[in-house]
Amino acid sequence: MTHVHQDGVLDVGLCRNAAGRTVLSSLRHRFPLRMTVPLYLDAEDPAMAFLYVQNPTGAVLAHDRLSTAVSAGPGSRVHVTTQSATKIHRMADGEGVSDVAFTLAPDSYVEQVPDPLIPQAGSRYRQRTVVDMDASACFIGCETVAPGRRLRGERFAYDGLSLHTEVRVGGQPVCIDRLELRPNADVPASAGGMLLDRHYLVSMLVVAPERDAVSLEAKLDAAIAQEPGVVGGAGALPDGVGVLARVLATDGLQAQASLHRIWAQARLTLLGLPLPSVRK
């Protein structure tokens, strides 16, 4: 059988120019991946570049192979997001695969805050993210996983979702985080020990080797505790290189509020700045 699929590529290089603004230094893309020109949306940090990664097909389909790479030069500051939620369509066979790579040069700052993943019934999706960074850089990576199309009665009807994240500092592995969600009739994802009675999973990884991870852990843990109705916590990564936070939320609004609360605390701690007004 001949499969129709897309091998999408987005390869972005950024640098800090003489005026201190983060600008494009290189760009290569192949359908269905593309991005906006860098936007400058943060009044508190007008030099930070905002990149909106786009997929004009509107979803990830069976046999799609998507590859995204973002390289942040010395002293650059970059916010990476998506145009909307990433929908994972039903698949008769095969799976959708996304490889994401971030390279952070000295004193750079990258935050990745995409809209939620929505795995639809019968879908299979595998995502691998690799962060290779200098010890003086800072990285914030966020992910929100929805249970499916709730308004259509889909809750944990997807076949499988795999999210793998690996972080290297100075070329040495410091953190590997792997999530495998495979709902089925025998062990639903909403069962105790998995997502409890919640429907949304929010994760945030903060890697900043030269910052105080113990203090950051306490601040993120306190921020989660202030969000009503959620379950979660934050923990320091090995060797004090950063913090991993996870939250289980009942609905999309609660998940978004939780993400914004911990992202705001991490951003304030690392940059001394409040959240930007991100346009969608």
C-alpha atoms as a PDB file:
ATOM      1  CA  MET A   1       0.000   0.000   0.000  1.00  0.00           C
ATOM      2  CA  THR A   2       1.235   3.474  -0.862  1.00  0.00           C
ATOM      3  CA  HIS A   3       0.937   5.826   2.096  1.00  0.00           C
ATOM      4  CA  VAL A   4       0.368   9.521   1.617  1.00  0.00           C
ATOM      5  CA  HIS A   5       2.345  11.380   4.238  1.00  0.00           C
ATOM      6  CA  GLN A   6       4.332  14.547   4.789  1.00  0.00           C
ATOM      7  CA  ASP A   7       8.013  14.869   5.652  1.00  0.00           C
ATOM      8  CA  GLY A   8       7.906  18.384   7.080  1.00  0.00           C
ATOM      9  CA  VAL A   9      11.070  20.287   7.964  1.00  0.00           C
ATOM     10  CA  LEU A  10      11.582  23.528   9.865  1.00  0.00           C
ATOM     11  CA  ASP A  11      15.163  24.540  10.640  1.00  0.00           C
ATOM     12  CA  VAL A  12      15.591  27.962  12.262  1.00  0.00           C
ATOM     13  CA  GLY A  13      18.731  29.795  13.321  1.00  0.00           C
ATOM     14  CA  LEU A  14      18.628  32.934  15.463  1.00  0.00           C
ATOM     15  CA  CYS A  15      21.241  35.367  16.664  1.00  0.00           C
ATOM     16  CA  ARG A  16      21.484  38.589  18.631  1.00  0.00           C
ATOM     17  CA  ASN A  17      22.245  41.540  16.382  1.00  0.00           C
ATOM     18  CA  ALA A  18      24.298  44.653  17.165  1.00  0.00           C
ATOM     19  CA  ALA A  19      21.230  46.395  18.579  1.00  0.00           C
ATOM     20  CA  GLY A  20      20.603  43.511  20.994  1.00  0.00           C
ATOM     21  CA  ARG A  21      17.518  42.201  19.175  1.00  0.00           C
ATOM     22  CA  THR A  22      17.101  38.498  18.410  1.00  0.00           C
ATOM     23  CA  VAL A  23      16.760  38.045  14.634  1.00  0.00           C
ATOM     24  CA  LEU A  24      16.792  35.260  12.056  1.00  0.00           C
ATOM     25  CA  SER A  25      20.201  34.109  10.884  1.00  0.00           C
ATOM     26  CA  SER A  26      18.983  31.160   8.803  1.00  0.00           C
ATOM     27  CA  LEU A  27      15.729  29.484   7.800  1.00  0.00           C
ATOM     28  CA  ARG A  28      14.859  26.312   5.930  1.00  0.00           C
ATOM     29  CA  HIS A  29      11.382  24.832   5.736  1.00  0.00           C
ATOM     30  CA  ARG A  30       9.426  22.241   3.805  1.00  0.00           C
ATOM     31  CA  PHE A  31       5.661  21.726   3.781  1.00  0.00           C
ATOM     32  CA  PRO A  32       3.737  21.191   5.958  1.00  0.00           C
ATOM     33  CA  LEU A  33       5.944  22.997   8.473  1.00  0.00           C
ATOM     34  CA  ARG A  34       6.460  26.733   8.313  1.00  0.00           C
ATOM     35  CA  MET A  35       6.613  29.710  10.664  1.00  0.00           C
ATOM     36  CA  THR A  36       5.831  33.383  10.907  1.00  0.00           C
ATOM     37  CA  VAL A  37       8.494  36.032  10.673  1.00  0.00           C
ATOM     38  CA  PRO A  38       9.872  36.825  14.145  1.00  0.00           C
ATOM     39  CA  LEU A  39       7.454  39.009  16.063  1.00  0.00           C
ATOM     40  CA  TYR A  40       8.301  41.277  18.987  1.00  0.00           C
ATOM     41  CA  LEU A  41       5.330  41.154  21.333  1.00  0.00           C
ATOM     42  CA  ASP A  42       6.739  41.626  24.815  1.00  0.00           C
ATOM     43  CA  ALA A  43       6.762  45.254  25.899  1.00  0.00           C
ATOM     44  CA  GLU A  44       8.964  44.272  28.865  1.00  0.00           C
ATOM     45  CA  ASP A  45      11.534  42.609  26.598  1.00  0.00           C
ATOM     46  CA  PRO A  46      11.159  44.114  23.099  1.00  0.00           C
ATOM     47  CA  ALA A  47      14.295  42.315  21.862  1.00  0.00           C
ATOM     48  CA  MET A  48      12.830  38.821  22.365  1.00  0.00           C
ATOM     49  CA  ALA A  49      11.744  37.056  19.160  1.00  0.00           C
ATOM     50  CA  PHE A  50       8.388  35.248  19.095  1.00  0.00           C
ATOM     51  CA  LEU A  51       8.135  32.380  16.602  1.00  0.00           C
ATOM     52  CA  TYR A  52       4.807  30.795  15.653  1.00  0.00           C
ATOM     53  CA  VAL A  53       5.276  27.318  14.205  1.00  0.00           C
ATOM     54  CA  GLN A  54       2.503  26.529  11.723  1.00  0.00           C
ATOM     55  CA  ASN A  55       1.110  23.429  10.031  1.00  0.00           C
ATOM     56  CA  PRO A  56      -1.311  24.464   7.249  1.00  0.00           C
ATOM     57  CA  THR A  57      -2.807  20.946   7.094  1.00  0.00           C
ATOM     58  CA  GLY A  58      -4.309  21.610  10.533  1.00  0.00           C
ATOM     59  CA  ALA A  59      -3.275  18.281  12.029  1.00  0.00           C
ATOM     60  CA  VAL A  60      -0.744  15.466  12.267  1.00  0.00           C
ATOM     61  CA  LEU A  61      -1.762  12.579   9.996  1.00  0.00           C
ATOM     62  CA  ALA A  62      -0.724   8.933   9.778  1.00  0.00           C
ATOM     63  CA  HIS A  63       2.853   8.466   8.540  1.00  0.00           C
ATOM     64  CA  ASP A  64       3.713  12.163   8.907  1.00  0.00           C
ATOM     65  CA  ARG A  65       7.350  12.754   9.752  1.00  0.00           C
ATOM     66  CA  LEU A  66       7.909  16.240  11.130  1.00  0.00           C
ATOM     67  CA  SER A  67      11.320  17.659  12.038  1.00  0.00           C
ATOM     68  CA  THR A  68      11.784  21.001  13.819  1.00  0.00           C
ATOM     69  CA  ALA A  69      15.137  22.479  14.858  1.00  0.00           C
ATOM     70  CA  VAL A  70      15.720  25.811  16.607  1.00  0.00           C
ATOM     71  CA  SER A  71      19.240  27.096  17.209  1.00  0.00           C
ATOM     72  CA  ALA A  72      19.593  30.095  19.553  1.00  0.00           C
ATOM     73  CA  GLY A  73      22.858  32.012  19.248  1.00  0.00           C
ATOM     74  CA  PRO A  74      24.797  33.638  22.113  1.00  0.00           C
ATOM     75  CA  GLY A  75      22.687  36.026  24.170  1.00  0.00           C
ATOM     76  CA  SER A  76      19.534  35.504  22.114  1.00  0.00           C
ATOM     77  CA  ARG A  77      16.057  35.244  23.619  1.00  0.00           C
ATOM     78  CA  VAL A  78      13.344  33.243  21.862  1.00  0.00           C
ATOM     79  CA  HIS A  79       9.742  32.283  22.540  1.00  0.00           C
ATOM     80  CA  VAL A  80       8.456  29.361  20.454  1.00  0.00           C
ATOM     81  CA  THR A  81       4.761  28.533  20.243  1.00  0.00           C
ATOM     82  CA  THR A  82       2.161  27.127  17.832  1.00  0.00           C
ATOM     83  CA  GLN A  83      -0.629  28.789  15.898  1.00  0.00           C
ATOM     84  CA  SER A  84      -3.230  26.629  17.685  1.00  0.00           C
ATOM     85  CA  ALA A  85      -3.661  23.227  19.312  1.00  0.00           C
ATOM     86  CA  THR A  86      -1.914  20.307  17.604  1.00  0.00           C
ATOM     87  CA  LYS A  87      -4.575  17.816  16.537  1.00  0.00           C
ATOM     88  CA  ILE A  88      -3.547  14.192  16.061  1.00  0.00           C
ATOM     89  CA  HIS A  89      -6.013  12.648  13.583  1.00  0.00           C
ATOM     90  CA  ARG A  90      -7.419   9.128  13.626  1.00  0.00           C
ATOM     91  CA  MET A  91      -5.067   6.663  11.904  1.00  0.00           C
ATOM     92  CA  ALA A  92      -6.026   3.481  10.120  1.00  0.00           C
ATOM     93  CA  ASP A  93      -2.414   2.351  10.410  1.00  0.00           C
ATOM     94  CA  GLY A  94       1.012   3.775  11.176  1.00  0.00           C
ATOM     95  CA  GLU A  95       1.691   6.741  13.421  1.00  0.00           C
ATOM     96  CA  GLY A  96       2.668  10.405  13.354  1.00  0.00           C
ATOM     97  CA  VAL A  97       6.223  11.257  14.396  1.00  0.00           C
ATOM     98  CA  SER A  98       7.710  14.593  15.432  1.00  0.00           C
ATOM     99  CA  ASP A  99      11.394  15.226  16.151  1.00  0.00           C
ATOM    100  CA  VAL A 100      12.205  18.532  17.867  1.00  0.00           C
ATOM    101  CA  ALA A 101      15.725  19.817  18.547  1.00  0.00           C
ATOM    102  CA  PHE A 102      16.833  22.912  20.449  1.00  0.00           C
ATOM    103  CA  THR A 103      20.411  24.164  20.558  1.00  0.00           C
ATOM    104  CA  LEU A 104      21.192  26.901  23.080  1.00  0.00           C
ATOM    105  CA  ALA A 105      24.465  28.833  22.920  1.00  0.00           C
ATOM    106  CA  PRO A 106      25.976  30.622  25.959  1.00  0.00           C
ATOM    107  CA  ASP A 107      23.663  33.058  27.769  1.00  0.00           C
ATOM    108  CA  SER A 108      20.718  32.282  25.484  1.00  0.00           C
ATOM    109  CA  TYR A 109      17.144  31.849  26.679  1.00  0.00           C
ATOM    110  CA  VAL A 110      14.505  29.698  24.962  1.00  0.00           C
ATOM    111  CA  GLU A 111      10.963  29.031  26.087  1.00  0.00           C
ATOM    112  CA  GLN A 112       8.732  26.578  24.234  1.00  0.00           C
ATOM    113  CA  VAL A 113       5.052  27.018  25.097  1.00  0.00           C
ATOM    114  CA  PRO A 114       2.856  25.307  22.479  1.00  0.00           C
ATOM    115  CA  ASP A 115      -0.906  24.999  22.592  1.00  0.00           C
ATOM    116  CA  PRO A 116      -2.259  21.600  23.736  1.00  0.00           C
ATOM    117  CA  LEU A 117      -1.846  18.268  22.000  1.00  0.00           C
ATOM    118  CA  ILE A 118      -5.267  16.791  21.172  1.00  0.00           C
ATOM    119  CA  PRO A 119      -4.951  13.087  20.307  1.00  0.00           C
ATOM    120  CA  GLN A 120      -8.182  12.021  18.618  1.00  0.00           C
ATOM    121  CA  ALA A 121      -9.739   8.564  18.784  1.00  0.00           C
ATOM    122  CA  GLY A 122      -7.627   5.893  17.104  1.00  0.00           C
ATOM    123  CA  SER A 123      -4.519   8.087  16.803  1.00  0.00           C
ATOM    124  CA  ARG A 124      -0.879   7.243  17.517  1.00  0.00           C
ATOM    125  CA  TYR A 125       1.787   9.886  18.006  1.00  0.00           C
ATOM    126  CA  ARG A 126       5.445   9.831  18.970  1.00  0.00           C
ATOM    127  CA  GLN A 127       7.409  12.983  19.826  1.00  0.00           C
ATOM    128  CA  ARG A 128      11.106  13.174  20.643  1.00  0.00           C
ATOM    129  CA  THR A 129      12.610  16.434  21.918  1.00  0.00           C
ATOM    130  CA  VAL A 130      16.351  16.910  22.370  1.00  0.00           C
ATOM    131  CA  VAL A 131      17.777  20.006  24.062  1.00  0.00           C
ATOM    132  CA  ASP A 132      21.526  20.598  23.719  1.00  0.00           C
ATOM    133  CA  MET A 133      22.564  23.629  25.727  1.00  0.00           C
ATOM    134  CA  ASP A 134      25.422  25.536  27.283  1.00  0.00           C
ATOM    135  CA  ALA A 135      25.526  25.628  31.079  1.00  0.00           C
ATOM    136  CA  SER A 136      24.929  29.394  31.078  1.00  0.00           C
ATOM    137  CA  ALA A 137      21.731  29.104  28.997  1.00  0.00           C
ATOM    138  CA  CYS A 138      18.129  28.721  30.216  1.00  0.00           C
ATOM    139  CA  PHE A 139      15.415  26.531  28.717  1.00  0.00           C
ATOM    140  CA  ILE A 140      11.702  26.292  29.552  1.00  0.00           C
ATOM    141  CA  GLY A 141       9.737  23.553  27.783  1.00  0.00           C
ATOM    142  CA  CYS A 142       5.995  23.104  28.283  1.00  0.00           C
ATOM    143  CA  GLU A 143       3.469  20.524  27.124  1.00  0.00           C
ATOM    144  CA  THR A 144      -0.273  20.165  27.686  1.00  0.00           C
ATOM    145  CA  VAL A 145      -2.008  16.903  26.746  1.00  0.00           C
ATOM    146  CA  ALA A 146      -5.787  16.906  26.295  1.00  0.00           C
ATOM    147  CA  PRO A 147      -7.879  13.711  26.585  1.00  0.00           C
ATOM    148  CA  GLY A 148      -9.279  14.092  23.058  1.00  0.00           C
ATOM    149  CA  ARG A 149     -12.256  15.892  21.543  1.00  0.00           C
ATOM    150  CA  ARG A 150     -14.346  16.134  24.705  1.00  0.00           C
ATOM    151  CA  LEU A 151     -17.272  17.873  23.004  1.00  0.00           C
ATOM    152  CA  ARG A 152     -17.595  14.816  20.750  1.00  0.00           C
ATOM    153  CA  GLY A 153     -17.467  12.464  23.695  1.00  0.00           C
ATOM    154  CA  GLU A 154     -13.851  11.404  23.070  1.00  0.00           C
ATOM    155  CA  ARG A 155     -11.915  10.883  26.261  1.00  0.00           C
ATOM    156  CA  PHE A 156      -8.768   8.782  26.188  1.00  0.00           C
ATOM    157  CA  ALA A 157      -9.847   7.042  22.977  1.00  0.00           C
ATOM    158  CA  TYR A 158      -6.445   7.389  21.300  1.00  0.00           C
ATOM    159  CA  ASP A 159      -4.234   4.340  20.836  1.00  0.00           C
ATOM    160  CA  GLY A 160      -0.930   5.718  22.025  1.00  0.00           C
ATOM    161  CA  LEU A 161       0.986   8.872  22.871  1.00  0.00           C
ATOM    162  CA  SER A 162       4.749   8.891  23.487  1.00  0.00           C
ATOM    163  CA  LEU A 163       6.612  12.021  24.621  1.00  0.00           C
ATOM    164  CA  HIS A 164      10.378  11.697  25.075  1.00  0.00           C
ATOM    165  CA  THR A 165      12.570  14.603  26.192  1.00  0.00           C
ATOM    166  CA  GLU A 166      16.333  14.493  26.559  1.00  0.00           C
ATOM    167  CA  VAL A 167      18.523  17.349  27.807  1.00  0.00           C
ATOM    168  CA  ARG A 168      22.273  17.636  27.395  1.00  0.00           C
ATOM    169  CA  VAL A 169      24.441  20.303  29.008  1.00  0.00           C
ATOM    170  CA  GLY A 170      27.867  20.768  27.493  1.00  0.00           C
ATOM    171  CA  GLY A 171      27.265  17.596  25.503  1.00  0.00           C
ATOM    172  CA  GLN A 172      26.589  15.480  28.603  1.00  0.00           C
ATOM    173  CA  PRO A 173      23.111  13.979  29.239  1.00  0.00           C
ATOM    174  CA  VAL A 174      21.581  15.428  32.420  1.00  0.00           C
ATOM    175  CA  CYS A 175      17.902  14.553  32.121  1.00  0.00           C
ATOM    176  CA  ILE A 176      15.681  12.098  30.239  1.00  0.00           C
ATOM    177  CA  ASP A 177      11.923  12.257  30.724  1.00  0.00           C
ATOM    178  CA  ARG A 178       9.572   9.832  29.003  1.00  0.00           C
ATOM    179  CA  LEU A 179       5.780   9.732  29.045  1.00  0.00           C
ATOM    180  CA  GLU A 180       3.887   6.774  27.583  1.00  0.00           C
ATOM    181  CA  LEU A 181       0.083   6.987  27.545  1.00  0.00           C
ATOM    182  CA  ARG A 182      -1.694   4.005  26.004  1.00  0.00           C
ATOM    183  CA  PRO A 183      -5.360   3.978  26.972  1.00  0.00           C
ATOM    184  CA  ASN A 184      -7.279   0.744  26.444  1.00  0.00           C
ATOM    185  CA  ALA A 185     -10.417  -0.976  27.664  1.00  0.00           C
ATOM    186  CA  ASP A 186      -8.566  -2.784  30.456  1.00  0.00           C
ATOM    187  CA  VAL A 187      -6.537   0.092  31.890  1.00  0.00           C
ATOM    188  CA  PRO A 188      -8.068   3.468  30.975  1.00  0.00           C
ATOM    189  CA  ALA A 189      -5.857   6.532  31.306  1.00  0.00           C
ATOM    190  CA  SER A 190      -8.297   7.892  33.883  1.00  0.00           C
ATOM    191  CA  ALA A 191      -7.657   4.911  36.187  1.00  0.00           C
ATOM    192  CA  GLY A 192      -6.015   5.391  39.549  1.00  0.00           C
ATOM    193  CA  GLY A 193      -2.237   5.550  39.301  1.00  0.00           C
ATOM    194  CA  MET A 194      -2.333   7.178  35.875  1.00  0.00           C
ATOM    195  CA  LEU A 195      -4.284  10.433  35.641  1.00  0.00           C
ATOM    196  CA  LEU A 196      -6.591   9.843  38.603  1.00  0.00           C
ATOM    197  CA  ASP A 197      -9.960  11.407  37.734  1.00  0.00           C
ATOM    198  CA  ARG A 198      -8.373  14.285  35.817  1.00  0.00           C
ATOM    199  CA  HIS A 199      -8.362  14.765  32.054  1.00  0.00           C
ATOM    200  CA  TYR A 200      -5.472  17.131  31.275  1.00  0.00           C
ATOM    201  CA  LEU A 201      -1.770  16.643  31.876  1.00  0.00           C
ATOM    202  CA  VAL A 202       0.502  19.704  32.067  1.00  0.00           C
ATOM    203  CA  SER A 203       4.292  19.375  32.156  1.00  0.00           C
ATOM    204  CA  MET A 204       6.967  22.029  32.415  1.00  0.00           C
ATOM    205  CA  LEU A 205      10.706  21.405  32.304  1.00  0.00           C
ATOM    206  CA  VAL A 206      13.026  24.210  33.392  1.00  0.00           C
ATOM    207  CA  VAL A 207      16.755  23.696  32.817  1.00  0.00           C
ATOM    208  CA  ALA A 208      19.072  26.429  34.099  1.00  0.00           C
ATOM    209  CA  PRO A 209      22.287  24.837  35.415  1.00  0.00           C
ATOM    210  CA  GLU A 210      23.766  28.045  36.808  1.00  0.00           C
ATOM    211  CA  ARG A 211      20.627  29.054  38.728  1.00  0.00           C
ATOM    212  CA  ASP A 212      19.374  27.988  42.167  1.00  0.00           C
ATOM    213  CA  ALA A 213      17.301  24.861  41.459  1.00  0.00           C
ATOM    214  CA  VAL A 214      16.292  24.392  45.098  1.00  0.00           C
ATOM    215  CA  SER A 215      14.742  27.857  45.249  1.00  0.00           C
ATOM    216  CA  LEU A 216      13.076  27.407  41.850  1.00  0.00           C
ATOM    217  CA  GLU A 217      11.618  24.052  42.912  1.00  0.00           C
ATOM    218  CA  ALA A 218      10.079  25.631  46.027  1.00  0.00           C
ATOM    219  CA  LYS A 219       8.598  28.518  44.027  1.00  0.00           C
ATOM    220  CA  LEU A 220       7.056  26.277  41.370  1.00  0.00           C
ATOM    221  CA  ASP A 221       5.703  23.881  43.981  1.00  0.00           C
ATOM    222  CA  ALA A 222       4.114  26.803  45.832  1.00  0.00           C
ATOM    223  CA  ALA A 223       2.634  28.128  42.585  1.00  0.00           C
ATOM    224  CA  ILE A 224       0.988  24.775  41.875  1.00  0.00           C
ATOM    225  CA  ALA A 225      -0.406  24.626  45.409  1.00  0.00           C
ATOM    226  CA  GLN A 226      -2.080  28.003  44.846  1.00  0.00           C
ATOM    227  CA  GLU A 227      -4.063  26.736  41.840  1.00  0.00           C
ATOM    228  CA  PRO A 228      -7.451  25.436  43.087  1.00  0.00           C
ATOM    229  CA  GLY A 229      -8.605  21.973  42.104  1.00  0.00           C
ATOM    230  CA  VAL A 230      -5.412  20.629  40.553  1.00  0.00           C
ATOM    231  CA  VAL A 231      -3.036  17.866  41.626  1.00  0.00           C
ATOM    232  CA  GLY A 232       0.674  18.184  41.022  1.00  0.00           C
ATOM    233  CA  GLY A 233       4.083  19.207  42.195  1.00  0.00           C
ATOM    234  CA  ALA A 234       7.617  20.179  41.245  1.00  0.00           C
ATOM    235  CA  GLY A 235      10.891  18.372  41.788  1.00  0.00           C
ATOM    236  CA  ALA A 236      14.530  19.268  41.265  1.00  0.00           C
ATOM    237  CA  LEU A 237      16.479  17.513  38.515  1.00  0.00           C
ATOM    238  CA  PRO A 238      19.712  15.629  39.295  1.00  0.00           C
ATOM    239  CA  ASP A 239      22.770  17.732  40.099  1.00  0.00           C
ATOM    240  CA  GLY A 240      20.653  20.865  40.476  1.00  0.00           C
ATOM    241  CA  VAL A 241      20.410  21.574  36.740  1.00  0.00           C
ATOM    242  CA  GLY A 242      16.716  22.500  36.868  1.00  0.00           C
ATOM    243  CA  VAL A 243      13.178  21.521  37.824  1.00  0.00           C
ATOM    244  CA  LEU A 244      10.387  19.351  36.411  1.00  0.00           C
ATOM    245  CA  ALA A 245       6.791  20.262  37.269  1.00  0.00           C
ATOM    246  CA  ARG A 246       3.619  18.290  36.495  1.00  0.00           C
ATOM    247  CA  VAL A 247      -0.034  19.111  37.007  1.00  0.00           C
ATOM    248  CA  LEU A 248      -3.236  17.118  36.511  1.00  0.00           C
ATOM    249  CA  ALA A 249      -6.251  19.302  35.722  1.00  0.00           C
ATOM    250  CA  THR A 250      -9.952  18.635  35.260  1.00  0.00           C
ATOM    251  CA  ASP A 251     -10.583  20.790  32.182  1.00  0.00           C
ATOM    252  CA  GLY A 252      -8.841  22.910  29.599  1.00  0.00           C
ATOM    253  CA  LEU A 253      -9.308  26.203  31.385  1.00  0.00           C
ATOM    254  CA  GLN A 254      -7.882  24.817  34.591  1.00  0.00           C
ATOM    255  CA  ALA A 255      -4.941  23.329  32.678  1.00  0.00           C
ATOM    256  CA  GLN A 256      -4.219  26.657  30.992  1.00  0.00           C
ATOM    257  CA  ALA A 257      -4.437  28.562  34.271  1.00  0.00           C
ATOM    258  CA  SER A 258      -2.035  26.100  35.912  1.00  0.00           C
ATOM    259  CA  LEU A 259       0.440  26.330  33.060  1.00  0.00           C
ATOM    260  CA  HIS A 260       0.371  30.115  33.098  1.00  0.00           C
ATOM    261  CA  ARG A 261       0.884  30.205  36.855  1.00  0.00           C
ATOM    262  CA  ILE A 262       4.011  28.029  36.859  1.00  0.00           C
ATOM    263  CA  TRP A 263       5.343  29.543  33.638  1.00  0.00           C
ATOM    264  CA  ALA A 264       4.917  33.008  35.155  1.00  0.00           C
ATOM    265  CA  GLN A 265       6.894  31.978  38.228  1.00  0.00           C
ATOM    266  CA  ALA A 266       9.686  30.388  36.191  1.00  0.00           C
ATOM    267  CA  ARG A 267       9.926  33.396  33.884  1.00  0.00           C
ATOM    268  CA  LEU A 268       9.970  35.821  36.791  1.00  0.00           C
ATOM    269  CA  THR A 269      12.736  33.818  38.463  1.00  0.00           C
ATOM    270  CA  LEU A 270      14.924  33.461  35.360  1.00  0.00           C
ATOM    271  CA  LEU A 271      14.304  36.788  33.602  1.00  0.00           C
ATOM    272  CA  GLY A 272      12.744  38.999  36.253  1.00  0.00           C
ATOM    273  CA  LEU A 273       9.856  39.602  33.824  1.00  0.00           C
ATOM    274  CA  PRO A 274       6.107  38.909  33.861  1.00  0.00           C
ATOM    275  CA  LEU A 275       4.342  36.809  31.233  1.00  0.00           C
ATOM    276  CA  PRO A 276       4.078  38.383  27.782  1.00  0.00           C
ATOM    277  CA  SER A 277       0.770  39.079  26.086  1.00  0.00           C
ATOM    278  CA  VAL A 278       0.879  36.274  23.499  1.00  0.00           C
ATOM    279  CA  ARG A 279      -1.436  36.711  20.515  1.00  0.00           C
ATOM    280  CA  LYS A 280      -3.198  33.772  18.893  1.00  0.00           C
END
